[in-house]
Amino acid sequence: MFGWFKGTKTVDAPVVVDGDVQKKIVIDIRNITKTYDMGELSLQVLKGISLQVQQGEFLSIMGPSGSGKSTLMNILGALDQPTSGEYFLDGEDVSKLSESALARVRNKKIGFVFQNFNLLRRTSAVRQVELPLIYGGGSGRTKKAKAALTSVGLEQRFDHLPSELSGGQQQRVAIARALVTEPAMILADEPTGNLDSRSGTEVMQIFQQLNREQGISIVFVTHDPWIARHTNRVVMLRDGNIVADRAVAHPLVAGEAERPSEAEELEGVFKDTYYGGSQEEYN
């Protein structure tokens, strides 16, 4: 068993990073529910989730299919609204905002990185990164875009199209685009899922550097326990509830550890998380 969590199971209380309780709360969701009406039937996907994420945390959210992981990601990203409960992002209650107000929040406060990169085919790297600033009406767009690309190691690729970049380089463009508005957090959905192992490692190194050196808050949504072990905290969902919320005892440094076999990973995560609670949970 890996033993990659530390401490005891903490579902009701947020993890405090490095013993510092004074850090700013970037994400504060309180008793969030989400129900979808399907004719005469109602499907409750989230069942009263509460979660806090502090500034500078590097968090991964995990869960099997049907756990509510994607629904929670959409709410965190202001792409959808909860049925009930409150969601404070960087101090602003976004749980009941209009569509236009949500769009403003997404542009100003959230940087998105997706598995499929979501780049425009005929647009250069620097123009891709400028797009959020164009939508938000920012000034000095080109200078800021070039600075963001330089921060992810693409200072020689400003004018390259996506077809002229490797998969790892395309994801770096996407990371730069997420950074350029200086958001309250970066929300990444399986950001290494479409990359080979080397490119995936390079992208993970960038995320860790951004988090450790610049204190950027990052939330990963992933099904991959190996990726989760590179973050500082893991929240696991099952059946619309948080079943585990733990700090990672010794986060892996990207590029310094060899990935174990899938069987070993799954055995470790199941032993530590799914079967790590009290006997009453499984009755």
C-alpha atoms as a PDB file:
ATOM      1  CA  MET A   1       0.000   0.000   0.000  1.00  0.00           C
ATOM      2  CA  PHE A   2       1.329   3.426  -0.923  1.00  0.00           C
ATOM      3  CA  GLY A   3       0.275   5.279   2.247  1.00  0.00           C
ATOM      4  CA  TRP A   4       0.194   8.541   0.326  1.00  0.00           C
ATOM      5  CA  PHE A   5      -2.292  10.261   2.640  1.00  0.00           C
ATOM      6  CA  LYS A   6      -1.435  11.639   6.039  1.00  0.00           C
ATOM      7  CA  GLY A   7      -3.636  12.080   9.056  1.00  0.00           C
ATOM      8  CA  THR A   8      -7.099  10.698   9.609  1.00  0.00           C
ATOM      9  CA  LYS A   9     -10.188  10.913   7.459  1.00  0.00           C
ATOM     10  CA  THR A  10     -11.522  14.476   7.300  1.00  0.00           C
ATOM     11  CA  VAL A  11     -14.831  14.893   5.553  1.00  0.00           C
ATOM     12  CA  ASP A  12     -16.448  17.739   7.448  1.00  0.00           C
ATOM     13  CA  ALA A  13     -13.444  19.999   8.047  1.00  0.00           C
ATOM     14  CA  PRO A  14     -11.125  21.508   5.412  1.00  0.00           C
ATOM     15  CA  VAL A  15      -7.438  20.605   5.369  1.00  0.00           C
ATOM     16  CA  VAL A  16      -5.176  23.337   6.727  1.00  0.00           C
ATOM     17  CA  VAL A  17      -2.007  23.637   4.650  1.00  0.00           C
ATOM     18  CA  ASP A  18       1.318  23.922   6.503  1.00  0.00           C
ATOM     19  CA  GLY A  19      -0.549  24.727   9.716  1.00  0.00           C
ATOM     20  CA  ASP A  20      -1.447  28.168   8.379  1.00  0.00           C
ATOM     21  CA  VAL A  21      -5.072  29.045   9.131  1.00  0.00           C
ATOM     22  CA  GLN A  22      -4.699  32.658   8.022  1.00  0.00           C
ATOM     23  CA  LYS A  23      -4.498  32.042   4.288  1.00  0.00           C
ATOM     24  CA  LYS A  24      -7.163  33.552   2.081  1.00  0.00           C
ATOM     25  CA  ILE A  25     -10.020  31.236   1.118  1.00  0.00           C
ATOM     26  CA  VAL A  26     -10.277  31.121  -2.677  1.00  0.00           C
ATOM     27  CA  ILE A  27     -13.061  28.522  -2.947  1.00  0.00           C
ATOM     28  CA  ASP A  28     -15.767  28.163  -0.317  1.00  0.00           C
ATOM     29  CA  ILE A  29     -18.733  25.964  -1.229  1.00  0.00           C
ATOM     30  CA  ARG A  30     -21.378  25.415   1.411  1.00  0.00           C
ATOM     31  CA  ASN A  31     -23.874  22.562   1.322  1.00  0.00           C
ATOM     32  CA  ILE A  32     -24.023  22.510  -2.482  1.00  0.00           C
ATOM     33  CA  THR A  33     -26.633  20.294  -4.116  1.00  0.00           C
ATOM     34  CA  LYS A  34     -27.379  19.716  -7.773  1.00  0.00           C
ATOM     35  CA  THR A  35     -30.547  18.044  -9.016  1.00  0.00           C
ATOM     36  CA  TYR A  36     -31.507  17.429 -12.630  1.00  0.00           C
ATOM     37  CA  ASP A  37     -35.192  17.156 -13.498  1.00  0.00           C
ATOM     38  CA  MET A  38     -35.910  14.499 -16.103  1.00  0.00           C
ATOM     39  CA  GLY A  39     -39.642  14.590 -16.702  1.00  0.00           C
ATOM     40  CA  GLU A  40     -41.348  13.007 -13.723  1.00  0.00           C
ATOM     41  CA  LEU A  41     -38.032  11.913 -12.245  1.00  0.00           C
ATOM     42  CA  SER A  42     -35.358  13.905 -10.428  1.00  0.00           C
ATOM     43  CA  LEU A  43     -31.703  12.906 -10.255  1.00  0.00           C
ATOM     44  CA  GLN A  44     -29.718  14.347  -7.361  1.00  0.00           C
ATOM     45  CA  VAL A  45     -26.071  14.342  -8.431  1.00  0.00           C
ATOM     46  CA  LEU A  46     -24.522  16.388  -5.603  1.00  0.00           C
ATOM     47  CA  LYS A  47     -25.897  15.835  -2.122  1.00  0.00           C
ATOM     48  CA  GLY A  48     -24.797  18.668   0.120  1.00  0.00           C
ATOM     49  CA  ILE A  49     -21.082  19.166  -0.536  1.00  0.00           C
ATOM     50  CA  SER A  50     -19.042  21.623   1.510  1.00  0.00           C
ATOM     51  CA  LEU A  51     -15.416  22.365   0.652  1.00  0.00           C
ATOM     52  CA  GLN A  52     -12.830  25.072   1.197  1.00  0.00           C
ATOM     53  CA  VAL A  53      -9.670  25.659  -0.830  1.00  0.00           C
ATOM     54  CA  GLN A  54      -7.069  28.102   0.429  1.00  0.00           C
ATOM     55  CA  GLN A  55      -4.884  30.363  -1.636  1.00  0.00           C
ATOM     56  CA  GLY A  56      -1.824  28.490  -2.840  1.00  0.00           C
ATOM     57  CA  GLU A  57      -3.268  24.995  -2.510  1.00  0.00           C
ATOM     58  CA  PHE A  58      -2.731  22.351  -5.164  1.00  0.00           C
ATOM     59  CA  LEU A  59      -5.787  20.112  -4.962  1.00  0.00           C
ATOM     60  CA  SER A  60      -7.034  17.140  -6.957  1.00  0.00           C
ATOM     61  CA  ILE A  61     -10.649  16.012  -7.110  1.00  0.00           C
ATOM     62  CA  MET A  62     -11.137  12.318  -7.879  1.00  0.00           C
ATOM     63  CA  GLY A  63     -14.069   9.982  -8.255  1.00  0.00           C
ATOM     64  CA  PRO A  64     -15.412   7.176 -10.429  1.00  0.00           C
ATOM     65  CA  SER A  65     -17.942   7.730 -13.201  1.00  0.00           C
ATOM     66  CA  GLY A  66     -21.254   8.880 -11.743  1.00  0.00           C
ATOM     67  CA  SER A  67     -19.679  10.247  -8.563  1.00  0.00           C
ATOM     68  CA  GLY A  68     -20.559  13.872  -9.373  1.00  0.00           C
ATOM     69  CA  LYS A  69     -17.010  14.872 -10.268  1.00  0.00           C
ATOM     70  CA  SER A  70     -17.877  16.512 -13.589  1.00  0.00           C
ATOM     71  CA  THR A  71     -20.902  18.285 -12.110  1.00  0.00           C
ATOM     72  CA  LEU A  72     -18.787  19.694  -9.300  1.00  0.00           C
ATOM     73  CA  MET A  73     -16.171  20.804 -11.823  1.00  0.00           C
ATOM     74  CA  ASN A  74     -18.816  22.675 -13.823  1.00  0.00           C
ATOM     75  CA  ILE A  75     -20.014  24.461 -10.692  1.00  0.00           C
ATOM     76  CA  LEU A  76     -16.476  25.329  -9.593  1.00  0.00           C
ATOM     77  CA  GLY A  77     -15.814  26.698 -13.066  1.00  0.00           C
ATOM     78  CA  ALA A  78     -18.988  28.831 -13.023  1.00  0.00           C
ATOM     79  CA  LEU A  79     -20.216  26.841 -16.022  1.00  0.00           C
ATOM     80  CA  ASP A  80     -23.295  25.725 -14.091  1.00  0.00           C
ATOM     81  CA  GLN A  81     -25.118  26.765 -10.932  1.00  0.00           C
ATOM     82  CA  PRO A  82     -26.094  24.643  -7.942  1.00  0.00           C
ATOM     83  CA  THR A  83     -29.692  23.804  -7.138  1.00  0.00           C
ATOM     84  CA  SER A  84     -29.119  24.929  -3.568  1.00  0.00           C
ATOM     85  CA  GLY A  85     -26.241  26.029  -1.370  1.00  0.00           C
ATOM     86  CA  GLU A  86     -23.658  28.784  -1.680  1.00  0.00           C
ATOM     87  CA  TYR A  87     -20.447  29.125  -3.681  1.00  0.00           C
ATOM     88  CA  PHE A  88     -17.999  31.897  -2.824  1.00  0.00           C
ATOM     89  CA  LEU A  89     -15.156  32.334  -5.305  1.00  0.00           C
ATOM     90  CA  ASP A  90     -12.469  34.755  -4.213  1.00  0.00           C
ATOM     91  CA  GLY A  91     -14.968  36.219  -1.761  1.00  0.00           C
ATOM     92  CA  GLU A  92     -17.810  36.682  -4.272  1.00  0.00           C
ATOM     93  CA  ASP A  93     -21.028  34.652  -4.053  1.00  0.00           C
ATOM     94  CA  VAL A  94     -21.428  33.251  -7.565  1.00  0.00           C
ATOM     95  CA  SER A  95     -24.101  30.655  -6.799  1.00  0.00           C
ATOM     96  CA  LYS A  96     -27.001  32.822  -7.965  1.00  0.00           C
ATOM     97  CA  LEU A  97     -25.466  35.054 -10.633  1.00  0.00           C
ATOM     98  CA  SER A  98     -26.955  35.654 -14.075  1.00  0.00           C
ATOM     99  CA  GLU A  99     -25.389  34.094 -17.160  1.00  0.00           C
ATOM    100  CA  SER A 100     -23.676  37.360 -18.122  1.00  0.00           C
ATOM    101  CA  ALA A 101     -22.290  37.778 -14.612  1.00  0.00           C
ATOM    102  CA  LEU A 102     -21.043  34.183 -14.617  1.00  0.00           C
ATOM    103  CA  ALA A 103     -19.250  34.865 -17.909  1.00  0.00           C
ATOM    104  CA  ARG A 104     -17.488  37.803 -16.273  1.00  0.00           C
ATOM    105  CA  VAL A 105     -16.420  35.616 -13.351  1.00  0.00           C
ATOM    106  CA  ARG A 106     -15.102  32.929 -15.692  1.00  0.00           C
ATOM    107  CA  ASN A 107     -13.038  35.463 -17.608  1.00  0.00           C
ATOM    108  CA  LYS A 108     -11.609  37.307 -14.614  1.00  0.00           C
ATOM    109  CA  LYS A 109     -11.272  34.752 -11.845  1.00  0.00           C
ATOM    110  CA  ILE A 110     -10.831  31.291 -13.421  1.00  0.00           C
ATOM    111  CA  GLY A 111      -8.163  29.964 -15.746  1.00  0.00           C
ATOM    112  CA  PHE A 112      -9.249  26.805 -17.572  1.00  0.00           C
ATOM    113  CA  VAL A 113      -6.992  24.045 -18.885  1.00  0.00           C
ATOM    114  CA  PHE A 114      -8.683  21.157 -20.695  1.00  0.00           C
ATOM    115  CA  GLN A 115      -7.598  17.711 -21.795  1.00  0.00           C
ATOM    116  CA  ASN A 116      -8.148  18.584 -25.476  1.00  0.00           C
ATOM    117  CA  PHE A 117      -6.283  21.936 -25.334  1.00  0.00           C
ATOM    118  CA  ASN A 118      -9.174  23.846 -27.042  1.00  0.00           C
ATOM    119  CA  LEU A 119      -6.919  25.900 -29.298  1.00  0.00           C
ATOM    120  CA  LEU A 120      -7.994  27.642 -32.516  1.00  0.00           C
ATOM    121  CA  ARG A 121      -6.400  25.931 -35.519  1.00  0.00           C
ATOM    122  CA  ARG A 122      -5.382  28.999 -37.514  1.00  0.00           C
ATOM    123  CA  THR A 123      -4.356  31.249 -34.640  1.00  0.00           C
ATOM    124  CA  SER A 124      -0.781  31.786 -33.442  1.00  0.00           C
ATOM    125  CA  ALA A 125       0.256  30.970 -29.907  1.00  0.00           C
ATOM    126  CA  VAL A 126       0.481  34.603 -28.841  1.00  0.00           C
ATOM    127  CA  ARG A 127      -2.985  35.367 -30.244  1.00  0.00           C
ATOM    128  CA  GLN A 128      -4.428  32.309 -28.497  1.00  0.00           C
ATOM    129  CA  VAL A 129      -3.166  33.657 -25.175  1.00  0.00           C
ATOM    130  CA  GLU A 130      -4.470  37.146 -25.915  1.00  0.00           C
ATOM    131  CA  LEU A 131      -8.065  35.946 -26.326  1.00  0.00           C
ATOM    132  CA  PRO A 132      -9.135  36.173 -22.645  1.00  0.00           C
ATOM    133  CA  LEU A 133      -7.737  39.708 -22.527  1.00  0.00           C
ATOM    134  CA  ILE A 134      -9.657  40.661 -25.666  1.00  0.00           C
ATOM    135  CA  TYR A 135     -12.898  39.358 -24.179  1.00  0.00           C
ATOM    136  CA  GLY A 136     -12.154  41.081 -20.877  1.00  0.00           C
ATOM    137  CA  GLY A 137     -11.107  44.372 -22.418  1.00  0.00           C
ATOM    138  CA  GLY A 138      -7.602  44.360 -20.974  1.00  0.00           C
ATOM    139  CA  SER A 139      -4.761  46.573 -22.210  1.00  0.00           C
ATOM    140  CA  GLY A 140      -1.194  45.632 -23.120  1.00  0.00           C
ATOM    141  CA  ARG A 141      -2.457  42.327 -24.439  1.00  0.00           C
ATOM    142  CA  THR A 142       0.493  41.266 -26.564  1.00  0.00           C
ATOM    143  CA  LYS A 143       3.049  42.062 -23.876  1.00  0.00           C
ATOM    144  CA  LYS A 144       1.114  40.084 -21.269  1.00  0.00           C
ATOM    145  CA  ALA A 145       0.576  37.155 -23.655  1.00  0.00           C
ATOM    146  CA  LYS A 146       4.283  36.950 -24.465  1.00  0.00           C
ATOM    147  CA  ALA A 147       5.160  37.076 -20.769  1.00  0.00           C
ATOM    148  CA  ALA A 148       2.736  34.208 -20.062  1.00  0.00           C
ATOM    149  CA  LEU A 149       4.167  32.107 -22.906  1.00  0.00           C
ATOM    150  CA  THR A 150       7.695  32.809 -21.679  1.00  0.00           C
ATOM    151  CA  SER A 151       6.724  31.625 -18.191  1.00  0.00           C
ATOM    152  CA  VAL A 152       5.866  28.181 -19.630  1.00  0.00           C
ATOM    153  CA  GLY A 153       8.990  27.944 -21.779  1.00  0.00           C
ATOM    154  CA  LEU A 154       7.540  28.942 -25.163  1.00  0.00           C
ATOM    155  CA  GLU A 155       9.412  32.178 -25.800  1.00  0.00           C
ATOM    156  CA  GLN A 156      10.573  30.756 -29.147  1.00  0.00           C
ATOM    157  CA  ARG A 157       7.058  29.779 -30.263  1.00  0.00           C
ATOM    158  CA  PHE A 158       5.078  33.052 -30.228  1.00  0.00           C
ATOM    159  CA  ASP A 159       4.067  32.879 -33.883  1.00  0.00           C
ATOM    160  CA  HIS A 160       3.576  29.121 -34.219  1.00  0.00           C
ATOM    161  CA  LEU A 161       0.209  27.597 -35.074  1.00  0.00           C
ATOM    162  CA  PRO A 162      -1.115  24.580 -33.125  1.00  0.00           C
ATOM    163  CA  SER A 163      -0.216  22.316 -36.084  1.00  0.00           C
ATOM    164  CA  GLU A 164       3.408  23.412 -35.666  1.00  0.00           C
ATOM    165  CA  LEU A 165       3.499  22.494 -31.972  1.00  0.00           C
ATOM    166  CA  SER A 166       3.730  19.167 -30.170  1.00  0.00           C
ATOM    167  CA  GLY A 167       0.940  18.064 -27.869  1.00  0.00           C
ATOM    168  CA  GLY A 168       2.921  19.125 -24.826  1.00  0.00           C
ATOM    169  CA  GLN A 169       3.622  22.538 -26.356  1.00  0.00           C
ATOM    170  CA  GLN A 170      -0.061  22.989 -27.196  1.00  0.00           C
ATOM    171  CA  GLN A 171      -0.956  22.291 -23.581  1.00  0.00           C
ATOM    172  CA  ARG A 172       1.626  24.856 -22.493  1.00  0.00           C
ATOM    173  CA  VAL A 173      -0.118  27.419 -24.704  1.00  0.00           C
ATOM    174  CA  ALA A 174      -3.367  26.493 -22.947  1.00  0.00           C
ATOM    175  CA  ILE A 175      -1.697  26.963 -19.545  1.00  0.00           C
ATOM    176  CA  ALA A 176      -0.359  30.367 -20.605  1.00  0.00           C
ATOM    177  CA  ARG A 177      -3.851  31.333 -21.756  1.00  0.00           C
ATOM    178  CA  ALA A 178      -5.189  30.319 -18.332  1.00  0.00           C
ATOM    179  CA  LEU A 179      -2.530  32.399 -16.568  1.00  0.00           C
ATOM    180  CA  VAL A 180      -2.728  35.614 -18.560  1.00  0.00           C
ATOM    181  CA  THR A 181      -5.674  37.146 -16.684  1.00  0.00           C
ATOM    182  CA  GLU A 182      -4.041  36.432 -13.293  1.00  0.00           C
ATOM    183  CA  PRO A 183      -7.049  34.393 -12.111  1.00  0.00           C
ATOM    184  CA  ALA A 184      -7.937  33.451  -8.548  1.00  0.00           C
ATOM    185  CA  MET A 185      -7.466  29.801  -9.485  1.00  0.00           C
ATOM    186  CA  ILE A 186      -6.632  27.455 -12.351  1.00  0.00           C
ATOM    187  CA  LEU A 187      -9.122  24.647 -12.948  1.00  0.00           C
ATOM    188  CA  ALA A 188      -7.591  21.801 -14.950  1.00  0.00           C
ATOM    189  CA  ASP A 189      -9.631  18.896 -16.307  1.00  0.00           C
ATOM    190  CA  GLU A 190      -7.396  15.870 -17.016  1.00  0.00           C
ATOM    191  CA  PRO A 191      -4.641  18.191 -18.338  1.00  0.00           C
ATOM    192  CA  THR A 192      -2.207  15.344 -19.094  1.00  0.00           C
ATOM    193  CA  GLY A 193      -4.796  12.885 -20.397  1.00  0.00           C
ATOM    194  CA  ASN A 194      -3.941  13.345 -24.096  1.00  0.00           C
ATOM    195  CA  LEU A 195      -0.184  13.514 -23.673  1.00  0.00           C
ATOM    196  CA  ASP A 196       2.580  10.932 -23.813  1.00  0.00           C
ATOM    197  CA  SER A 197       4.416  10.259 -20.568  1.00  0.00           C
ATOM    198  CA  ARG A 198       7.297  12.639 -21.281  1.00  0.00           C
ATOM    199  CA  SER A 199       5.052  15.545 -22.291  1.00  0.00           C
ATOM    200  CA  GLY A 200       2.754  14.804 -19.353  1.00  0.00           C
ATOM    201  CA  THR A 201       5.698  15.009 -16.969  1.00  0.00           C
ATOM    202  CA  GLU A 202       6.807  18.336 -18.457  1.00  0.00           C
ATOM    203  CA  VAL A 203       3.309  19.778 -18.095  1.00  0.00           C
ATOM    204  CA  MET A 204       3.064  18.548 -14.504  1.00  0.00           C
ATOM    205  CA  GLN A 205       6.437  20.182 -13.767  1.00  0.00           C
ATOM    206  CA  ILE A 206       5.027  23.488 -14.998  1.00  0.00           C
ATOM    207  CA  PHE A 207       1.962  23.205 -12.764  1.00  0.00           C
ATOM    208  CA  GLN A 208       4.105  22.371  -9.739  1.00  0.00           C
ATOM    209  CA  GLN A 209       6.425  25.280 -10.477  1.00  0.00           C
ATOM    210  CA  LEU A 210       3.521  27.708 -10.822  1.00  0.00           C
ATOM    211  CA  ASN A 211       2.089  26.493  -7.541  1.00  0.00           C
ATOM    212  CA  ARG A 212       5.307  26.407  -5.521  1.00  0.00           C
ATOM    213  CA  GLU A 213       7.060  29.489  -6.863  1.00  0.00           C
ATOM    214  CA  GLN A 214       4.114  31.780  -7.617  1.00  0.00           C
ATOM    215  CA  GLY A 215       1.584  30.459  -5.107  1.00  0.00           C
ATOM    216  CA  ILE A 216      -1.105  29.944  -7.754  1.00  0.00           C
ATOM    217  CA  SER A 217      -4.129  27.966  -6.551  1.00  0.00           C
ATOM    218  CA  ILE A 218      -4.692  24.924  -8.767  1.00  0.00           C
ATOM    219  CA  VAL A 219      -7.538  22.408  -8.808  1.00  0.00           C
ATOM    220  CA  PHE A 220      -7.115  19.229 -10.865  1.00  0.00           C
ATOM    221  CA  VAL A 221     -10.116  17.094 -11.794  1.00  0.00           C
ATOM    222  CA  THR A 222      -8.767  13.637 -12.550  1.00  0.00           C
ATOM    223  CA  HIS A 223      -9.440   9.916 -12.392  1.00  0.00           C
ATOM    224  CA  ASP A 224      -5.707   9.141 -12.317  1.00  0.00           C
ATOM    225  CA  PRO A 225      -4.258   8.409  -8.853  1.00  0.00           C
ATOM    226  CA  TRP A 226      -0.727   8.872 -10.181  1.00  0.00           C
ATOM    227  CA  ILE A 227      -1.519  12.455 -11.172  1.00  0.00           C
ATOM    228  CA  ALA A 228      -3.267  13.038  -7.836  1.00  0.00           C
ATOM    229  CA  ARG A 229      -0.105  12.003  -5.971  1.00  0.00           C
ATOM    230  CA  HIS A 230       1.662  15.034  -7.460  1.00  0.00           C
ATOM    231  CA  THR A 231      -0.787  17.388  -5.730  1.00  0.00           C
ATOM    232  CA  ASN A 232      -0.885  18.363  -2.066  1.00  0.00           C
ATOM    233  CA  ARG A 233      -4.440  17.349  -1.243  1.00  0.00           C
ATOM    234  CA  VAL A 234      -6.958  14.847  -2.579  1.00  0.00           C
ATOM    235  CA  VAL A 235     -10.749  15.104  -2.341  1.00  0.00           C
ATOM    236  CA  MET A 236     -12.629  11.977  -3.382  1.00  0.00           C
ATOM    237  CA  LEU A 237     -16.287  11.850  -4.388  1.00  0.00           C
ATOM    238  CA  ARG A 238     -18.645   8.920  -4.408  1.00  0.00           C
ATOM    239  CA  ASP A 239     -22.392   9.005  -5.077  1.00  0.00           C
ATOM    240  CA  GLY A 240     -22.519  12.795  -4.841  1.00  0.00           C
ATOM    241  CA  ASN A 241     -20.757  13.010  -1.480  1.00  0.00           C
ATOM    242  CA  ILE A 242     -17.215  13.722  -0.339  1.00  0.00           C
ATOM    243  CA  VAL A 243     -15.929  10.457   1.128  1.00  0.00           C
ATOM    244  CA  ALA A 244     -12.322  11.521   1.718  1.00  0.00           C
ATOM    245  CA  ASP A 245     -10.478  14.825   2.047  1.00  0.00           C
ATOM    246  CA  ARG A 246      -6.841  14.355   2.919  1.00  0.00           C
ATOM    247  CA  ALA A 247      -3.423  15.919   2.558  1.00  0.00           C
ATOM    248  CA  VAL A 248      -0.895  13.932   0.543  1.00  0.00           C
ATOM    249  CA  ALA A 249       1.922  12.937   2.886  1.00  0.00           C
ATOM    250  CA  HIS A 250       4.772  13.239   0.388  1.00  0.00           C
ATOM    251  CA  PRO A 251       3.686  14.770  -2.939  1.00  0.00           C
ATOM    252  CA  LEU A 252       5.688  13.405  -5.841  1.00  0.00           C
ATOM    253  CA  VAL A 253       7.961  15.751  -7.743  1.00  0.00           C
ATOM    254  CA  ALA A 254       7.272  15.455 -11.462  1.00  0.00           C
ATOM    255  CA  GLY A 255      10.090  13.660 -13.253  1.00  0.00           C
ATOM    256  CA  GLU A 256      11.704  12.241 -10.120  1.00  0.00           C
ATOM    257  CA  ALA A 257       9.648   9.078  -9.699  1.00  0.00           C
ATOM    258  CA  GLU A 258       8.851   6.251 -12.103  1.00  0.00           C
ATOM    259  CA  ARG A 259       5.203   5.491 -12.593  1.00  0.00           C
ATOM    260  CA  PRO A 260       4.198   2.106 -11.086  1.00  0.00           C
ATOM    261  CA  SER A 261       1.945  -0.343 -12.851  1.00  0.00           C
ATOM    262  CA  GLU A 262      -1.764   0.436 -13.035  1.00  0.00           C
ATOM    263  CA  ALA A 263      -2.554  -2.527 -10.791  1.00  0.00           C
ATOM    264  CA  GLU A 264      -0.331  -1.184  -8.013  1.00  0.00           C
ATOM    265  CA  GLU A 265      -1.861   2.294  -8.292  1.00  0.00           C
ATOM    266  CA  LEU A 266      -5.421   1.009  -8.058  1.00  0.00           C
ATOM    267  CA  GLU A 267      -4.641  -1.276  -5.160  1.00  0.00           C
ATOM    268  CA  GLY A 268      -3.072   1.601  -3.265  1.00  0.00           C
ATOM    269  CA  VAL A 269      -5.875   4.083  -3.823  1.00  0.00           C
ATOM    270  CA  PHE A 270      -8.606   1.563  -2.940  1.00  0.00           C
ATOM    271  CA  LYS A 271      -6.863   0.463   0.250  1.00  0.00           C
ATOM    272  CA  ASP A 272      -6.118   3.997   1.369  1.00  0.00           C
ATOM    273  CA  THR A 273      -9.401   5.640   0.456  1.00  0.00           C
ATOM    274  CA  TYR A 274     -12.304   3.332  -0.245  1.00  0.00           C
ATOM    275  CA  TYR A 275     -11.405   0.877   2.507  1.00  0.00           C
ATOM    276  CA  GLY A 276      -9.686   3.255   4.870  1.00  0.00           C
ATOM    277  CA  GLY A 277     -12.743   4.315   6.869  1.00  0.00           C
ATOM    278  CA  SER A 278     -14.676   2.735   9.682  1.00  0.00           C
ATOM    279  CA  GLN A 279     -16.478  -0.571   9.269  1.00  0.00           C
ATOM    280  CA  GLU A 280     -19.864   1.152   9.616  1.00  0.00           C
ATOM    281  CA  GLU A 281     -19.366   2.945   6.287  1.00  0.00           C
ATOM    282  CA  TYR A 282     -19.629  -0.280   4.336  1.00  0.00           C
ATOM    283  CA  ASN A 283     -22.705  -1.749   6.070  1.00  0.00           C
END
